Structure formats: C-alpha cells, structure tokens
N, C-alpha and C. Protein backbone atom coordinates (compact mmCIF):
# COMPACT_ATOMS: atom_id res chain seq x y z
N UNK A 1 -36.20 15.50 11.81
CA UNK A 1 -35.09 15.67 12.79
C UNK A 1 -34.01 14.63 12.54
N UNK A 2 -32.83 15.25 12.34
CA UNK A 2 -31.57 14.39 12.20
C UNK A 2 -31.03 14.00 13.55
N UNK A 3 -30.94 12.65 13.76
CA UNK A 3 -30.36 12.21 15.08
C UNK A 3 -28.91 11.82 15.09
N UNK A 4 -28.51 11.57 13.78
CA UNK A 4 -27.07 11.12 13.75
C UNK A 4 -26.18 12.31 13.28
N UNK A 5 -24.89 12.27 13.58
CA UNK A 5 -24.04 13.35 13.12
C UNK A 5 -23.06 12.72 12.11
N UNK A 6 -22.58 13.63 11.29
CA UNK A 6 -21.61 13.25 10.19
C UNK A 6 -20.23 13.19 10.70
N UNK A 7 -19.84 12.05 11.33
CA UNK A 7 -18.57 11.90 11.94
C UNK A 7 -17.61 11.43 10.85
N UNK A 8 -18.08 11.11 9.71
CA UNK A 8 -17.27 10.55 8.59
C UNK A 8 -16.19 11.68 8.24
N UNK A 9 -16.56 12.87 8.23
CA UNK A 9 -15.64 13.94 7.81
C UNK A 9 -14.96 14.59 9.01
N UNK A 10 -15.41 14.40 10.21
CA UNK A 10 -14.76 15.05 11.22
C UNK A 10 -13.76 14.19 12.03
N UNK A 11 -13.80 12.83 11.95
CA UNK A 11 -12.98 11.99 12.62
C UNK A 11 -11.78 11.57 11.70
N UNK A 12 -10.63 11.82 11.98
CA UNK A 12 -9.53 11.52 11.06
C UNK A 12 -9.31 9.93 11.13
N UNK A 13 -8.82 9.42 9.93
CA UNK A 13 -8.68 8.12 9.84
C UNK A 13 -7.18 7.75 10.01
N UNK A 14 -6.88 6.72 10.88
CA UNK A 14 -5.41 6.43 11.14
C UNK A 14 -4.97 5.58 9.79
N UNK A 15 -3.98 6.07 9.18
CA UNK A 15 -3.59 5.44 7.90
C UNK A 15 -2.99 4.16 8.13
N UNK A 16 -2.37 3.86 9.30
CA UNK A 16 -1.91 2.55 9.57
C UNK A 16 -2.95 1.56 9.77
N UNK A 17 -3.93 1.92 10.56
CA UNK A 17 -5.10 1.07 10.76
C UNK A 17 -5.82 0.75 9.40
N UNK A 18 -6.00 1.80 8.61
CA UNK A 18 -6.76 1.65 7.29
C UNK A 18 -5.93 0.68 6.41
N UNK A 19 -4.61 0.81 6.44
CA UNK A 19 -3.77 -0.04 5.60
C UNK A 19 -3.81 -1.48 6.01
N UNK A 20 -3.87 -1.66 7.30
CA UNK A 20 -4.01 -3.10 7.92
C UNK A 20 -5.38 -3.66 7.50
N UNK A 21 -6.34 -2.88 7.63
CA UNK A 21 -7.70 -3.40 7.23
C UNK A 21 -7.74 -3.74 5.78
N UNK A 22 -7.23 -2.94 4.77
CA UNK A 22 -7.18 -3.15 3.41
C UNK A 22 -6.34 -4.47 3.15
N UNK A 23 -5.22 -4.49 3.75
CA UNK A 23 -4.34 -5.77 3.50
C UNK A 23 -5.02 -7.04 4.05
N UNK A 24 -5.77 -6.93 5.10
CA UNK A 24 -6.45 -8.08 5.70
C UNK A 24 -7.51 -8.51 4.71
N UNK A 25 -8.24 -7.46 4.13
CA UNK A 25 -9.29 -7.77 3.11
C UNK A 25 -8.74 -8.62 1.92
N UNK A 26 -7.49 -8.13 1.42
CA UNK A 26 -6.93 -8.70 0.36
C UNK A 26 -6.47 -10.15 0.63
N UNK A 27 -5.81 -10.29 1.77
CA UNK A 27 -5.44 -11.71 2.18
C UNK A 27 -6.65 -12.54 2.42
N UNK A 28 -7.71 -12.12 2.91
CA UNK A 28 -8.90 -12.90 3.11
C UNK A 28 -9.45 -13.33 1.82
N UNK A 29 -9.61 -12.37 0.86
CA UNK A 29 -10.06 -12.80 -0.50
C UNK A 29 -9.18 -13.87 -1.17
N UNK A 30 -7.97 -13.67 -1.04
CA UNK A 30 -6.95 -14.67 -1.63
C UNK A 30 -7.14 -16.04 -1.00
N UNK A 31 -7.21 -16.10 0.35
CA UNK A 31 -7.36 -17.43 1.04
C UNK A 31 -8.66 -18.03 0.71
N UNK A 32 -9.73 -17.20 0.69
CA UNK A 32 -11.08 -17.77 0.41
C UNK A 32 -11.02 -18.33 -1.01
N UNK A 33 -10.46 -17.61 -1.99
CA UNK A 33 -10.44 -18.08 -3.39
C UNK A 33 -9.68 -19.29 -3.48
N UNK A 34 -8.50 -19.55 -2.78
CA UNK A 34 -7.75 -20.65 -2.81
C UNK A 34 -8.49 -21.84 -2.15
N UNK A 35 -9.15 -21.63 -1.00
CA UNK A 35 -9.79 -22.62 -0.33
C UNK A 35 -11.06 -23.17 -0.99
N UNK A 36 -11.60 -22.43 -1.91
CA UNK A 36 -12.72 -22.96 -2.70
C UNK A 36 -12.47 -24.17 -3.50
N UNK A 37 -11.22 -24.46 -3.77
CA UNK A 37 -10.90 -25.62 -4.57
C UNK A 37 -11.15 -26.87 -3.84
N UNK A 38 -11.55 -27.94 -4.61
CA UNK A 38 -12.10 -29.19 -4.06
C UNK A 38 -11.03 -30.09 -3.36
N UNK A 39 -9.75 -29.94 -3.91
CA UNK A 39 -8.69 -30.81 -3.38
C UNK A 39 -7.51 -30.04 -3.04
N UNK A 40 -6.61 -30.67 -2.27
CA UNK A 40 -5.39 -29.99 -1.90
C UNK A 40 -4.51 -29.69 -3.11
N UNK A 41 -4.49 -30.63 -4.02
CA UNK A 41 -3.76 -30.41 -5.31
C UNK A 41 -4.30 -29.18 -6.08
N UNK A 42 -5.63 -29.03 -6.16
CA UNK A 42 -6.24 -27.89 -6.75
C UNK A 42 -5.89 -26.54 -6.07
N UNK A 43 -5.80 -26.69 -4.67
CA UNK A 43 -5.44 -25.47 -4.06
C UNK A 43 -4.05 -25.01 -4.30
N UNK A 44 -3.16 -26.10 -4.53
CA UNK A 44 -1.80 -25.68 -4.90
C UNK A 44 -1.72 -25.03 -6.20
N UNK A 45 -2.56 -25.51 -7.20
CA UNK A 45 -2.64 -24.85 -8.56
C UNK A 45 -3.07 -23.42 -8.42
N UNK A 46 -4.10 -23.27 -7.65
CA UNK A 46 -4.70 -22.02 -7.30
C UNK A 46 -3.59 -20.97 -6.75
N UNK A 47 -2.83 -21.52 -5.80
CA UNK A 47 -1.73 -20.64 -5.23
C UNK A 47 -0.71 -20.26 -6.20
N UNK A 48 -0.41 -21.32 -7.15
CA UNK A 48 0.61 -20.85 -8.17
C UNK A 48 0.00 -19.93 -9.13
N UNK A 49 -1.25 -20.08 -9.51
CA UNK A 49 -1.89 -19.07 -10.42
C UNK A 49 -1.96 -17.63 -9.70
N UNK A 50 -2.21 -17.63 -8.47
CA UNK A 50 -2.22 -16.40 -7.76
C UNK A 50 -0.85 -15.68 -7.80
N UNK A 51 0.22 -16.50 -7.60
CA UNK A 51 1.62 -16.01 -7.71
C UNK A 51 1.80 -15.49 -9.17
N UNK A 52 1.41 -16.24 -10.16
CA UNK A 52 1.52 -15.80 -11.53
C UNK A 52 0.96 -14.44 -11.73
N UNK A 53 -0.19 -14.22 -11.15
CA UNK A 53 -0.92 -12.90 -11.33
C UNK A 53 -0.32 -11.76 -10.52
N UNK A 54 0.29 -12.09 -9.37
CA UNK A 54 0.69 -11.00 -8.50
C UNK A 54 2.20 -10.88 -8.50
N UNK A 55 2.93 -11.90 -8.42
CA UNK A 55 4.38 -11.91 -8.28
C UNK A 55 4.95 -13.04 -9.25
N UNK A 56 4.95 -12.89 -10.55
CA UNK A 56 5.44 -14.01 -11.45
C UNK A 56 6.92 -14.22 -11.14
N UNK A 57 7.66 -13.29 -10.64
CA UNK A 57 9.08 -13.45 -10.44
C UNK A 57 9.30 -14.58 -9.36
N UNK A 58 8.33 -14.79 -8.50
CA UNK A 58 8.48 -15.79 -7.50
C UNK A 58 8.33 -17.15 -7.98
N UNK A 59 7.85 -17.38 -9.18
CA UNK A 59 7.63 -18.62 -9.87
C UNK A 59 8.49 -18.70 -11.15
N UNK A 60 9.58 -18.05 -11.11
CA UNK A 60 10.52 -17.89 -12.23
C UNK A 60 9.90 -17.58 -13.52
N UNK A 61 8.88 -16.72 -13.53
CA UNK A 61 8.27 -16.19 -14.79
C UNK A 61 7.55 -17.25 -15.48
N UNK A 62 7.06 -18.36 -14.91
CA UNK A 62 6.42 -19.37 -15.55
C UNK A 62 5.25 -18.89 -16.32
N UNK A 63 4.97 -19.42 -17.48
CA UNK A 63 3.81 -19.11 -18.27
C UNK A 63 2.59 -19.94 -17.71
N UNK A 64 1.34 -19.47 -18.18
CA UNK A 64 0.19 -20.27 -17.92
C UNK A 64 0.23 -21.64 -18.49
N UNK A 65 0.82 -21.70 -19.65
CA UNK A 65 0.97 -23.04 -20.38
C UNK A 65 1.87 -23.97 -19.53
N UNK A 66 2.99 -23.35 -19.05
CA UNK A 66 3.90 -24.18 -18.14
C UNK A 66 3.31 -24.60 -16.88
N UNK A 67 2.44 -23.77 -16.26
CA UNK A 67 1.78 -24.09 -15.03
C UNK A 67 0.74 -25.15 -15.36
N UNK A 68 -0.01 -25.07 -16.40
CA UNK A 68 -0.90 -26.05 -16.80
C UNK A 68 -0.25 -27.41 -17.06
N UNK A 69 0.86 -27.42 -17.73
CA UNK A 69 1.66 -28.68 -18.05
C UNK A 69 1.98 -29.40 -16.82
N UNK A 70 2.58 -28.62 -15.85
CA UNK A 70 3.11 -29.25 -14.62
C UNK A 70 1.92 -29.70 -13.83
N UNK A 71 0.76 -29.04 -13.90
CA UNK A 71 -0.41 -29.36 -13.04
C UNK A 71 -1.30 -30.33 -13.73
N UNK A 72 -0.96 -30.68 -15.01
CA UNK A 72 -1.79 -31.63 -15.84
C UNK A 72 -3.17 -31.08 -16.20
N UNK A 73 -3.16 -29.75 -16.53
CA UNK A 73 -4.28 -29.04 -16.93
C UNK A 73 -4.00 -28.30 -18.25
N UNK A 74 -5.06 -28.04 -18.99
CA UNK A 74 -4.84 -27.27 -20.21
C UNK A 74 -4.55 -25.81 -19.89
N UNK A 75 -3.91 -25.18 -20.96
CA UNK A 75 -3.65 -23.75 -20.82
C UNK A 75 -4.95 -22.98 -20.65
N UNK A 76 -5.98 -23.42 -21.31
CA UNK A 76 -7.20 -22.68 -21.10
C UNK A 76 -7.88 -22.84 -19.76
N UNK A 77 -7.70 -23.91 -19.18
CA UNK A 77 -8.18 -24.18 -17.80
C UNK A 77 -7.46 -23.29 -16.82
N UNK A 78 -6.08 -23.15 -16.98
CA UNK A 78 -5.36 -22.31 -16.06
C UNK A 78 -5.56 -20.84 -16.36
N UNK A 79 -5.80 -20.45 -17.61
CA UNK A 79 -6.20 -19.15 -18.05
C UNK A 79 -7.52 -18.72 -17.34
N UNK A 80 -8.46 -19.66 -17.37
CA UNK A 80 -9.77 -19.44 -16.83
C UNK A 80 -9.63 -19.09 -15.21
N UNK A 81 -8.74 -19.95 -14.69
CA UNK A 81 -8.44 -19.81 -13.17
C UNK A 81 -7.81 -18.51 -12.92
N UNK A 82 -6.85 -18.02 -13.75
CA UNK A 82 -6.32 -16.72 -13.59
C UNK A 82 -7.31 -15.57 -13.74
N UNK A 83 -8.23 -15.67 -14.64
CA UNK A 83 -9.26 -14.75 -14.81
C UNK A 83 -10.27 -14.68 -13.67
N UNK A 84 -10.46 -15.89 -13.10
CA UNK A 84 -11.29 -15.99 -11.79
C UNK A 84 -10.59 -15.37 -10.70
N UNK A 85 -9.31 -15.44 -10.50
CA UNK A 85 -8.57 -14.85 -9.54
C UNK A 85 -8.63 -13.33 -9.67
N UNK A 86 -8.38 -12.83 -10.82
CA UNK A 86 -8.40 -11.45 -11.05
C UNK A 86 -9.76 -10.80 -10.71
N UNK A 87 -10.84 -11.43 -11.13
CA UNK A 87 -12.20 -11.01 -10.82
C UNK A 87 -12.48 -11.03 -9.38
N UNK A 88 -12.06 -12.01 -8.67
CA UNK A 88 -12.47 -12.26 -7.19
C UNK A 88 -11.62 -11.20 -6.39
N UNK A 89 -10.40 -10.93 -6.82
CA UNK A 89 -9.64 -9.99 -6.00
C UNK A 89 -9.66 -8.53 -6.53
N UNK A 90 -10.39 -8.27 -7.57
CA UNK A 90 -10.51 -6.89 -8.06
C UNK A 90 -9.28 -6.47 -8.95
N UNK A 91 -8.54 -7.52 -9.36
CA UNK A 91 -7.30 -7.15 -10.20
C UNK A 91 -7.68 -7.17 -11.68
N UNK A 92 -8.95 -7.38 -12.04
CA UNK A 92 -9.31 -7.52 -13.41
C UNK A 92 -9.24 -6.08 -14.03
N UNK A 93 -8.76 -5.96 -15.21
CA UNK A 93 -8.63 -4.62 -15.80
C UNK A 93 -9.89 -4.27 -16.58
C-alpha cells in the first residue's frame, strides 16, 4: 500500500524561490571554500582566485601567475587553488 503521493509533479515550483535557493547554495559553497583557508591572507588569495574563475574582468584580467606573484605563491600553487575552487563549486569542465 502506497501512503505517500507524488506531489513532485503536481505542485508547481516558484521560479523565483528556486532561483534564490540555487543562488544561496552557490554563495554558501563559495564562502565555505574561502573560509577553509588557515589565515586571513590565504582567504584573500582564495577570494582573488574565485574572481579569476568567475569574473576575471573584476581583477583586470590578472593571470594565475600574476596572482601568485602578488600573493607570494607559485603559479602551480595558485593553479591548484583554482582547480580546487572549480571542483568545489561544480565549475570543473
């Protein structure tokens, strides 16, 4: 005997509410990823890498090498951080 009903298909989804939920999930993933850094300086580097991945125009199209140079890290370390961001947020191709 089935006691539940399939409301998934019968109840319409509010697109505004769904969009807010998805946006909230993305922002939460971003903030969690940035806050996992051990120091405030490292969080700043992570924020810059996130901008590089999502909106490079906001950091004047800086390369990973330039970001690493300013942050005192190797290009490889910053590239690894960018890959970590992409995997965490689902932006990995």
